[in-house]
Each structure stands twice: as structure tokens, then as C-alpha cells.
Amino acid sequence: MITAIDPFTYAVHGFKALILKNTDLGAVGFDLIFLFGFAALTLGAATVLFRRTL
């Protein structure tokens, strides 16, 4: 259940598909979308949680 939201799982799957199976970027499209979405979500959460005041 944890591996469904773990970004490392999608990164490894994408690298394996690109390097070992010799596919194109279309084959790892979902992996890239998930990774960019996860990055945007965590960046947004970090910005809100760690806002600095001057």
C-alpha cells in the first residue's frame, strides 16, 4: 500500500523501462506525471509549512 504513493517506485520503474526495455518517453508518461505532481505537492506543502517572516 505504501509503494503506491512512494515516488521512488515510479522513478525506478521509469528508469528500468527506459534503460532495460529500450522504450520511449511515452511508455513512462504516467511515471513522469506522478513524479512531477508529487514534486509540486511536496513543494507547495513545504512552502506553506516553512514560510519565513521578516
Protein backbone atom coordinates (compact mmCIF):
# COMPACT_ATOMS: atom_id res chain seq x y z
CA MET A 1 0.00 0.00 0.00
CA ILE A 2 2.87 2.38 0.77
CA THR A 3 4.53 1.64 -2.57
CA ALA A 4 1.50 3.10 -4.36
CA ILE A 5 2.46 6.60 -3.15
CA ASP A 6 6.23 6.16 -2.92
CA PRO A 7 7.85 8.29 -5.65
CA PHE A 8 10.95 6.09 -5.70
CA THR A 9 8.83 3.24 -7.06
CA TYR A 10 7.81 5.30 -10.08
CA ALA A 11 11.34 6.59 -10.64
CA VAL A 12 12.77 3.06 -10.65
CA HIS A 13 10.02 1.80 -12.95
CA GLY A 14 10.69 4.64 -15.38
CA PHE A 15 14.45 4.08 -15.41
CA LYS A 16 14.02 0.34 -15.89
CA ALA A 17 11.65 0.88 -18.79
CA LEU A 18 13.93 3.41 -20.48
CA ILE A 19 17.24 1.65 -19.94
CA LEU A 20 16.49 -2.07 -19.91
CA LYS A 21 13.47 -2.27 -22.20
CA ASN A 22 14.68 0.46 -24.59
CA THR A 23 11.31 2.24 -24.79
CA ASP A 24 10.45 5.86 -25.46
CA LEU A 25 9.15 8.55 -23.10
CA GLY A 26 5.54 7.70 -23.97
CA ALA A 27 5.90 4.40 -22.11
CA VAL A 28 6.80 6.17 -18.87
CA GLY A 29 4.33 9.04 -19.21
CA PHE A 30 2.33 8.11 -16.11
CA ASP A 31 5.52 7.78 -14.08
CA LEU A 32 6.63 11.28 -15.11
CA ILE A 33 3.21 12.79 -14.42
CA PHE A 34 3.15 11.20 -10.96
CA LEU A 35 6.67 12.39 -10.14
CA PHE A 36 6.01 15.97 -11.27
CA GLY A 37 2.71 16.01 -9.38
CA PHE A 38 4.35 14.66 -6.23
CA ALA A 39 7.12 17.24 -6.51
CA ALA A 40 4.61 20.08 -6.92
CA LEU A 41 2.55 18.83 -3.98
CA THR A 42 5.50 18.49 -1.62
CA LEU A 43 6.97 21.83 -2.73
CA GLY A 44 3.64 23.51 -2.05
CA ALA A 45 3.36 21.87 1.36
CA ALA A 46 6.92 22.86 2.25
CA THR A 47 6.28 26.45 1.19
CA VAL A 48 3.20 26.71 3.37
CA LEU A 49 4.69 24.93 6.37
CA PHE A 50 8.08 26.63 6.40
CA ARG A 51 7.14 30.18 5.48
CA ARG A 52 9.67 32.67 6.84
CA THR A 53 8.69 36.02 8.23
CA LEU A 54 10.95 39.03 8.07
